[in-house]
Amino acid sequence: MATLKKFDITGKEIGSLQVRDEDLQSDANPQMIKDYIVAIRNNSRQWSANTKTRSEVNHSGQKPHPQKGMGRSRQGYLGAAQYKGGGRVGGPRPKFDQHQRINKKERQAAIRHLFIEKIQENHLQILSLKLGQVHKTKEVAQFLRAVGLNEKKVLILGSLSAKEKSEEWRRFQGNIPKTEFSYLTNISGYDLACYPYLILLEDAEKEMLDLLIKQEKGK
């Protein structure tokens, strides 16, 4: 059984949350995680890189030099690839319909696996927060310093069921470097892979436990 520490806004430990061992069993494997992350990165690309070919560059049609009599190789066009400013050979061209489909159950298993890793490594902490309790960005920075996460990459997870409270936190946390905010229901495995530390707002506790249990059953 894993124990998640719970803190108040001052960084004082006020309790804990127990996570059952059966909720920490993962069916994902490293290859599945890799395929999932690669698919997310590929799907986020624009695929709009474009280079001009020999027929598209703006060059005179004049021959670079006479065909014979100079002891040099024959050249027919200044827009050829071997000349500066010439067209590219095999360069990138715009690509479309490059979306890579991600299997729903594999996506759920990958997210669950990455979440479990954070719990097992004690990289997930819970923040007990009340509406109107945060008034300045300085208070958020002091909390991160108190729990030893200042100047570290931290992802804060909120709950849509307490959106007003989450948005209040998000507003004051936005100017702190290396931190990001997301709603737990919108979380992606790429976020979990990029941010080694997680802070879970207390309102999202049930959503986290439901996420672990539901994905384990493949619902």
C-alpha atoms as a PDB file:
ATOM      1  CA  MET A   1       0.000   0.000   0.000  1.00  0.00           C
ATOM      2  CA  ALA A   2       1.286   3.422  -0.986  1.00  0.00           C
ATOM      3  CA  THR A   3       0.910   6.509   1.156  1.00  0.00           C
ATOM      4  CA  LEU A   4       0.450   9.921  -0.434  1.00  0.00           C
ATOM      5  CA  LYS A   5       1.246  12.874   1.819  1.00  0.00           C
ATOM      6  CA  LYS A   6      -1.284  15.669   2.100  1.00  0.00           C
ATOM      7  CA  PHE A   7      -0.249  19.298   2.713  1.00  0.00           C
ATOM      8  CA  ASP A   8      -1.929  22.612   3.317  1.00  0.00           C
ATOM      9  CA  ILE A   9      -1.012  25.828   1.495  1.00  0.00           C
ATOM     10  CA  THR A  10       1.752  26.589   4.009  1.00  0.00           C
ATOM     11  CA  GLY A  11       3.488  23.292   3.227  1.00  0.00           C
ATOM     12  CA  LYS A  12       2.552  21.684   6.541  1.00  0.00           C
ATOM     13  CA  GLU A  13       1.738  17.975   6.394  1.00  0.00           C
ATOM     14  CA  ILE A  14      -1.852  17.492   7.572  1.00  0.00           C
ATOM     15  CA  GLY A  15      -2.628  13.896   6.635  1.00  0.00           C
ATOM     16  CA  SER A  16      -2.249  11.201   4.010  1.00  0.00           C
ATOM     17  CA  LEU A  17      -4.132   9.129   1.463  1.00  0.00           C
ATOM     18  CA  GLN A  18      -3.751   5.372   1.194  1.00  0.00           C
ATOM     19  CA  VAL A  19      -3.703   3.708  -2.236  1.00  0.00           C
ATOM     20  CA  ARG A  20      -4.315  -0.025  -2.338  1.00  0.00           C
ATOM     21  CA  ASP A  21      -1.672  -2.364  -3.765  1.00  0.00           C
ATOM     22  CA  GLU A  22      -4.181  -3.838  -6.234  1.00  0.00           C
ATOM     23  CA  ASP A  23      -4.627  -0.359  -7.706  1.00  0.00           C
ATOM     24  CA  LEU A  24      -0.877  -0.124  -8.331  1.00  0.00           C
ATOM     25  CA  GLN A  25      -0.595  -3.127 -10.638  1.00  0.00           C
ATOM     26  CA  SER A  26       0.186  -2.168 -14.234  1.00  0.00           C
ATOM     27  CA  ASP A  27      -0.279  -4.212 -17.408  1.00  0.00           C
ATOM     28  CA  ALA A  28       1.660  -1.801 -19.633  1.00  0.00           C
ATOM     29  CA  ASN A  29       5.139  -2.570 -20.954  1.00  0.00           C
ATOM     30  CA  PRO A  30       7.990  -0.239 -22.030  1.00  0.00           C
ATOM     31  CA  GLN A  31       7.292  -0.717 -25.745  1.00  0.00           C
ATOM     32  CA  MET A  32       3.643   0.269 -25.279  1.00  0.00           C
ATOM     33  CA  ILE A  33       4.700   3.410 -23.422  1.00  0.00           C
ATOM     34  CA  LYS A  34       7.194   4.308 -26.135  1.00  0.00           C
ATOM     35  CA  ASP A  35       4.671   3.774 -28.958  1.00  0.00           C
ATOM     36  CA  TYR A  36       2.151   5.946 -27.141  1.00  0.00           C
ATOM     37  CA  ILE A  37       4.589   8.835 -26.571  1.00  0.00           C
ATOM     38  CA  VAL A  38       5.885   8.660 -30.162  1.00  0.00           C
ATOM     39  CA  ALA A  39       2.308   8.742 -31.496  1.00  0.00           C
ATOM     40  CA  ILE A  40       1.492  11.823 -29.400  1.00  0.00           C
ATOM     41  CA  ARG A  41       4.595  13.643 -30.671  1.00  0.00           C
ATOM     42  CA  ASN A  42       3.885  12.700 -34.290  1.00  0.00           C
ATOM     43  CA  ASN A  43       0.284  13.859 -34.026  1.00  0.00           C
ATOM     44  CA  SER A  44       1.382  17.219 -32.655  1.00  0.00           C
ATOM     45  CA  ARG A  45       3.606  17.946 -35.673  1.00  0.00           C
ATOM     46  CA  GLN A  46       2.399  20.244 -38.435  1.00  0.00           C
ATOM     47  CA  TRP A  47       4.127  18.235 -41.194  1.00  0.00           C
ATOM     48  CA  SER A  48       4.384  21.490 -43.154  1.00  0.00           C
ATOM     49  CA  ALA A  49       8.167  21.624 -43.750  1.00  0.00           C
ATOM     50  CA  ASN A  50       8.715  22.554 -47.385  1.00  0.00           C
ATOM     51  CA  THR A  51      11.764  22.898 -49.626  1.00  0.00           C
ATOM     52  CA  LYS A  52      11.881  23.879 -53.285  1.00  0.00           C
ATOM     53  CA  THR A  53      12.856  21.437 -55.971  1.00  0.00           C
ATOM     54  CA  ARG A  54      14.937  22.259 -59.047  1.00  0.00           C
ATOM     55  CA  SER A  55      11.846  23.250 -61.013  1.00  0.00           C
ATOM     56  CA  GLU A  56      10.617  25.655 -58.296  1.00  0.00           C
ATOM     57  CA  VAL A  57      13.687  27.776 -57.542  1.00  0.00           C
ATOM     58  CA  ASN A  58      13.931  31.229 -59.095  1.00  0.00           C
ATOM     59  CA  HIS A  59      16.961  31.078 -61.375  1.00  0.00           C
ATOM     60  CA  SER A  60      17.927  32.082 -64.886  1.00  0.00           C
ATOM     61  CA  GLY A  61      17.834  29.373 -67.519  1.00  0.00           C
ATOM     62  CA  GLN A  62      21.318  30.378 -68.702  1.00  0.00           C
ATOM     63  CA  LYS A  63      24.030  27.700 -68.744  1.00  0.00           C
ATOM     64  CA  PRO A  64      26.703  28.230 -66.042  1.00  0.00           C
ATOM     65  CA  HIS A  65      29.507  27.888 -68.589  1.00  0.00           C
ATOM     66  CA  PRO A  66      30.078  26.592 -72.134  1.00  0.00           C
ATOM     67  CA  GLN A  67      29.484  22.912 -72.759  1.00  0.00           C
ATOM     68  CA  LYS A  68      33.001  22.256 -74.054  1.00  0.00           C
ATOM     69  CA  GLY A  69      36.464  23.761 -74.185  1.00  0.00           C
ATOM     70  CA  MET A  70      36.965  24.581 -70.510  1.00  0.00           C
ATOM     71  CA  GLY A  71      37.953  21.188 -69.176  1.00  0.00           C
ATOM     72  CA  ARG A  72      35.081  21.244 -66.713  1.00  0.00           C
ATOM     73  CA  SER A  73      32.137  18.929 -66.260  1.00  0.00           C
ATOM     74  CA  ARG A  74      28.998  19.718 -68.201  1.00  0.00           C
ATOM     75  CA  GLN A  75      26.474  21.877 -66.375  1.00  0.00           C
ATOM     76  CA  GLY A  76      23.094  22.906 -67.680  1.00  0.00           C
ATOM     77  CA  TYR A  77      21.325  24.942 -65.019  1.00  0.00           C
ATOM     78  CA  LEU A  78      22.238  27.255 -62.125  1.00  0.00           C
ATOM     79  CA  GLY A  79      19.220  25.981 -60.189  1.00  0.00           C
ATOM     80  CA  ALA A  80      20.675  22.482 -59.957  1.00  0.00           C
ATOM     81  CA  ALA A  81      21.222  21.094 -56.468  1.00  0.00           C
ATOM     82  CA  GLN A  82      25.026  21.396 -56.560  1.00  0.00           C
ATOM     83  CA  TYR A  83      24.854  25.194 -56.850  1.00  0.00           C
ATOM     84  CA  LYS A  84      24.231  27.637 -54.031  1.00  0.00           C
ATOM     85  CA  GLY A  85      20.553  28.540 -54.020  1.00  0.00           C
ATOM     86  CA  GLY A  86      19.683  25.532 -56.129  1.00  0.00           C
ATOM     87  CA  GLY A  87      16.812  23.145 -55.566  1.00  0.00           C
ATOM     88  CA  ARG A  88      16.949  20.488 -52.871  1.00  0.00           C
ATOM     89  CA  VAL A  89      17.163  16.803 -53.683  1.00  0.00           C
ATOM     90  CA  GLY A  90      14.994  14.649 -51.454  1.00  0.00           C
ATOM     91  CA  GLY A  91      14.212  17.552 -49.109  1.00  0.00           C
ATOM     92  CA  PRO A  92      11.143  17.645 -46.851  1.00  0.00           C
ATOM     93  CA  ARG A  93       7.795  18.314 -48.477  1.00  0.00           C
ATOM     94  CA  PRO A  94       4.396  19.020 -46.885  1.00  0.00           C
ATOM     95  CA  LYS A  95       2.645  15.879 -45.694  1.00  0.00           C
ATOM     96  CA  PHE A  96      -1.022  15.489 -44.909  1.00  0.00           C
ATOM     97  CA  ASP A  97      -3.174  12.869 -43.203  1.00  0.00           C
ATOM     98  CA  GLN A  98      -0.249  11.758 -41.048  1.00  0.00           C
ATOM     99  CA  HIS A  99      -2.389  11.184 -37.949  1.00  0.00           C
ATOM    100  CA  GLN A 100      -1.319   8.110 -36.026  1.00  0.00           C
ATOM    101  CA  ARG A 101      -4.186   6.324 -34.333  1.00  0.00           C
ATOM    102  CA  ILE A 102      -3.767   5.462 -30.648  1.00  0.00           C
ATOM    103  CA  ASN A 103      -5.660   2.458 -29.346  1.00  0.00           C
ATOM    104  CA  LYS A 104      -7.982   3.553 -26.527  1.00  0.00           C
ATOM    105  CA  LYS A 105      -7.127   0.694 -24.135  1.00  0.00           C
ATOM    106  CA  GLU A 106      -3.387   1.088 -24.779  1.00  0.00           C
ATOM    107  CA  ARG A 107      -3.667   4.828 -24.130  1.00  0.00           C
ATOM    108  CA  GLN A 108      -5.477   4.200 -20.855  1.00  0.00           C
ATOM    109  CA  ALA A 109      -2.947   1.566 -19.823  1.00  0.00           C
ATOM    110  CA  ALA A 110      -0.012   3.875 -20.634  1.00  0.00           C
ATOM    111  CA  ILE A 111      -1.475   6.802 -18.662  1.00  0.00           C
ATOM    112  CA  ARG A 112      -2.228   4.535 -15.734  1.00  0.00           C
ATOM    113  CA  HIS A 113       1.286   3.071 -15.790  1.00  0.00           C
ATOM    114  CA  LEU A 114       2.931   6.515 -15.777  1.00  0.00           C
ATOM    115  CA  PHE A 115       0.632   7.643 -12.980  1.00  0.00           C
ATOM    116  CA  ILE A 116       1.486   4.576 -10.919  1.00  0.00           C
ATOM    117  CA  GLU A 117       5.192   5.289 -11.408  1.00  0.00           C
ATOM    118  CA  LYS A 118       4.774   8.723  -9.855  1.00  0.00           C
ATOM    119  CA  ILE A 119       2.973   7.214  -6.851  1.00  0.00           C
ATOM    120  CA  GLN A 120       5.561   4.478  -6.320  1.00  0.00           C
ATOM    121  CA  GLU A 121       8.428   6.965  -6.553  1.00  0.00           C
ATOM    122  CA  ASN A 122       6.741   9.294  -4.016  1.00  0.00           C
ATOM    123  CA  HIS A 123       6.604  12.017  -6.650  1.00  0.00           C
ATOM    124  CA  LEU A 124       2.911  12.733  -6.132  1.00  0.00           C
ATOM    125  CA  GLN A 125       1.664  14.944  -3.316  1.00  0.00           C
ATOM    126  CA  ILE A 126      -1.795  16.205  -2.397  1.00  0.00           C
ATOM    127  CA  LEU A 127      -2.666  19.823  -1.648  1.00  0.00           C
ATOM    128  CA  SER A 128      -5.659  20.642   0.545  1.00  0.00           C
ATOM    129  CA  LEU A 129      -6.931  23.971  -0.733  1.00  0.00           C
ATOM    130  CA  LYS A 130      -9.957  26.124   0.040  1.00  0.00           C
ATOM    131  CA  LEU A 131     -11.571  28.635  -2.272  1.00  0.00           C
ATOM    132  CA  GLY A 132     -10.119  32.112  -1.738  1.00  0.00           C
ATOM    133  CA  GLN A 133      -7.138  30.785   0.197  1.00  0.00           C
ATOM    134  CA  VAL A 134      -4.565  31.859  -2.408  1.00  0.00           C
ATOM    135  CA  HIS A 135      -4.174  35.584  -3.068  1.00  0.00           C
ATOM    136  CA  LYS A 136      -0.693  35.951  -4.575  1.00  0.00           C
ATOM    137  CA  THR A 137       1.758  34.098  -6.778  1.00  0.00           C
ATOM    138  CA  LYS A 138       4.206  34.462  -3.896  1.00  0.00           C
ATOM    139  CA  GLU A 139       2.069  32.123  -1.781  1.00  0.00           C
ATOM    140  CA  VAL A 140       2.202  29.450  -4.471  1.00  0.00           C
ATOM    141  CA  ALA A 141       5.982  29.833  -4.719  1.00  0.00           C
ATOM    142  CA  GLN A 142       6.319  29.559  -0.944  1.00  0.00           C
ATOM    143  CA  PHE A 143       4.273  26.351  -0.957  1.00  0.00           C
ATOM    144  CA  LEU A 144       6.491  24.796  -3.637  1.00  0.00           C
ATOM    145  CA  ARG A 145       9.558  25.798  -1.653  1.00  0.00           C
ATOM    146  CA  ALA A 146       8.119  24.326   1.555  1.00  0.00           C
ATOM    147  CA  VAL A 147       7.530  20.910  -0.046  1.00  0.00           C
ATOM    148  CA  GLY A 148      10.936  20.936  -1.783  1.00  0.00           C
ATOM    149  CA  LEU A 149       9.683  21.423  -5.339  1.00  0.00           C
ATOM    150  CA  ASN A 150      10.936  24.912  -6.106  1.00  0.00           C
ATOM    151  CA  GLU A 151      12.791  25.146  -9.434  1.00  0.00           C
ATOM    152  CA  LYS A 152      11.670  21.626 -10.344  1.00  0.00           C
ATOM    153  CA  LYS A 153       9.323  20.640 -13.146  1.00  0.00           C
ATOM    154  CA  VAL A 154       5.931  20.248 -11.489  1.00  0.00           C
ATOM    155  CA  LEU A 155       2.520  19.448 -12.956  1.00  0.00           C
ATOM    156  CA  ILE A 156      -0.473  20.528 -10.853  1.00  0.00           C
ATOM    157  CA  LEU A 157      -3.664  18.548 -11.403  1.00  0.00           C
ATOM    158  CA  GLY A 158      -7.084  20.006 -10.661  1.00  0.00           C
ATOM    159  CA  SER A 159     -10.675  18.801 -10.813  1.00  0.00           C
ATOM    160  CA  LEU A 160     -13.452  19.985 -13.108  1.00  0.00           C
ATOM    161  CA  SER A 161     -15.879  19.374 -10.247  1.00  0.00           C
ATOM    162  CA  ALA A 162     -14.173  22.247  -8.393  1.00  0.00           C
ATOM    163  CA  LYS A 163     -13.353  24.370 -11.426  1.00  0.00           C
ATOM    164  CA  GLU A 164     -13.618  27.729  -9.661  1.00  0.00           C
ATOM    165  CA  LYS A 165     -11.037  26.700  -7.075  1.00  0.00           C
ATOM    166  CA  SER A 166      -8.760  25.162  -9.720  1.00  0.00           C
ATOM    167  CA  GLU A 167      -8.911  28.255 -11.911  1.00  0.00           C
ATOM    168  CA  GLU A 168      -8.055  30.440  -8.925  1.00  0.00           C
ATOM    169  CA  TRP A 169      -4.925  28.352  -8.314  1.00  0.00           C
ATOM    170  CA  ARG A 170      -4.102  28.321 -12.014  1.00  0.00           C
ATOM    171  CA  ARG A 171      -4.236  32.121 -12.199  1.00  0.00           C
ATOM    172  CA  PHE A 172      -1.658  32.591  -9.447  1.00  0.00           C
ATOM    173  CA  GLN A 173       0.555  29.690 -10.473  1.00  0.00           C
ATOM    174  CA  GLY A 174       0.885  30.678 -14.130  1.00  0.00           C
ATOM    175  CA  ASN A 175       3.940  32.955 -13.714  1.00  0.00           C
ATOM    176  CA  ILE A 176       6.087  30.373 -11.936  1.00  0.00           C
ATOM    177  CA  PRO A 177       8.675  28.789 -14.260  1.00  0.00           C
ATOM    178  CA  LYS A 178       8.762  25.018 -14.822  1.00  0.00           C
ATOM    179  CA  THR A 179       5.217  24.546 -13.560  1.00  0.00           C
ATOM    180  CA  GLU A 180       2.103  23.654 -15.515  1.00  0.00           C
ATOM    181  CA  PHE A 181      -1.558  23.122 -14.676  1.00  0.00           C
ATOM    182  CA  SER A 182      -3.979  20.587 -16.111  1.00  0.00           C
ATOM    183  CA  TYR A 183      -7.293  19.045 -15.211  1.00  0.00           C
ATOM    184  CA  LEU A 184      -6.945  15.399 -14.273  1.00  0.00           C
ATOM    185  CA  THR A 185      -9.579  14.313 -16.774  1.00  0.00           C
ATOM    186  CA  ASN A 186      -7.575  15.978 -19.570  1.00  0.00           C
ATOM    187  CA  ILE A 187      -4.220  14.495 -18.599  1.00  0.00           C
ATOM    188  CA  SER A 188      -2.056  12.858 -21.258  1.00  0.00           C
ATOM    189  CA  GLY A 189       0.832  10.455 -20.905  1.00  0.00           C
ATOM    190  CA  TYR A 190       3.129  13.014 -22.504  1.00  0.00           C
ATOM    191  CA  ASP A 191       2.434  15.437 -19.641  1.00  0.00           C
ATOM    192  CA  LEU A 192       3.189  12.711 -17.115  1.00  0.00           C
ATOM    193  CA  ALA A 193       6.417  11.815 -18.903  1.00  0.00           C
ATOM    194  CA  CYS A 194       7.602  15.449 -19.144  1.00  0.00           C
ATOM    195  CA  TYR A 195       6.935  16.427 -15.535  1.00  0.00           C
ATOM    196  CA  PRO A 196       8.672  14.276 -12.902  1.00  0.00           C
ATOM    197  CA  TYR A 197       6.642  15.702  -9.985  1.00  0.00           C
ATOM    198  CA  LEU A 198       2.871  15.943  -9.534  1.00  0.00           C
ATOM    199  CA  ILE A 199       0.723  17.935  -7.130  1.00  0.00           C
ATOM    200  CA  LEU A 200      -2.877  16.822  -6.900  1.00  0.00           C
ATOM    201  CA  LEU A 201      -5.494  19.251  -5.623  1.00  0.00           C
ATOM    202  CA  GLU A 202      -7.567  17.503  -2.961  1.00  0.00           C
ATOM    203  CA  ASP A 203     -10.793  17.796  -4.973  1.00  0.00           C
ATOM    204  CA  ALA A 204      -9.316  15.463  -7.612  1.00  0.00           C
ATOM    205  CA  GLU A 205      -8.615  12.595  -5.197  1.00  0.00           C
ATOM    206  CA  LYS A 206     -11.690  10.595  -6.156  1.00  0.00           C
ATOM    207  CA  GLU A 207     -11.060  11.171  -9.863  1.00  0.00           C
ATOM    208  CA  MET A 208      -7.526   9.805  -9.456  1.00  0.00           C
ATOM    209  CA  LEU A 209      -8.697   6.687  -7.629  1.00  0.00           C
ATOM    210  CA  ASP A 210     -11.485   6.128 -10.158  1.00  0.00           C
ATOM    211  CA  LEU A 211      -9.009   6.535 -13.001  1.00  0.00           C
ATOM    212  CA  LEU A 212      -6.754   3.841 -11.573  1.00  0.00           C
ATOM    213  CA  ILE A 213      -9.582   1.397 -10.907  1.00  0.00           C
ATOM    214  CA  LYS A 214     -11.473   1.942 -14.170  1.00  0.00           C
ATOM    215  CA  GLN A 215      -8.408   1.627 -16.358  1.00  0.00           C
ATOM    216  CA  GLU A 216      -7.388  -1.508 -14.540  1.00  0.00           C
ATOM    217  CA  LYS A 217     -10.745  -3.084 -15.424  1.00  0.00           C
ATOM    218  CA  GLY A 218     -10.550  -1.766 -18.983  1.00  0.00           C
ATOM    219  CA  LYS A 219     -13.778   0.194 -18.742  1.00  0.00           C
END
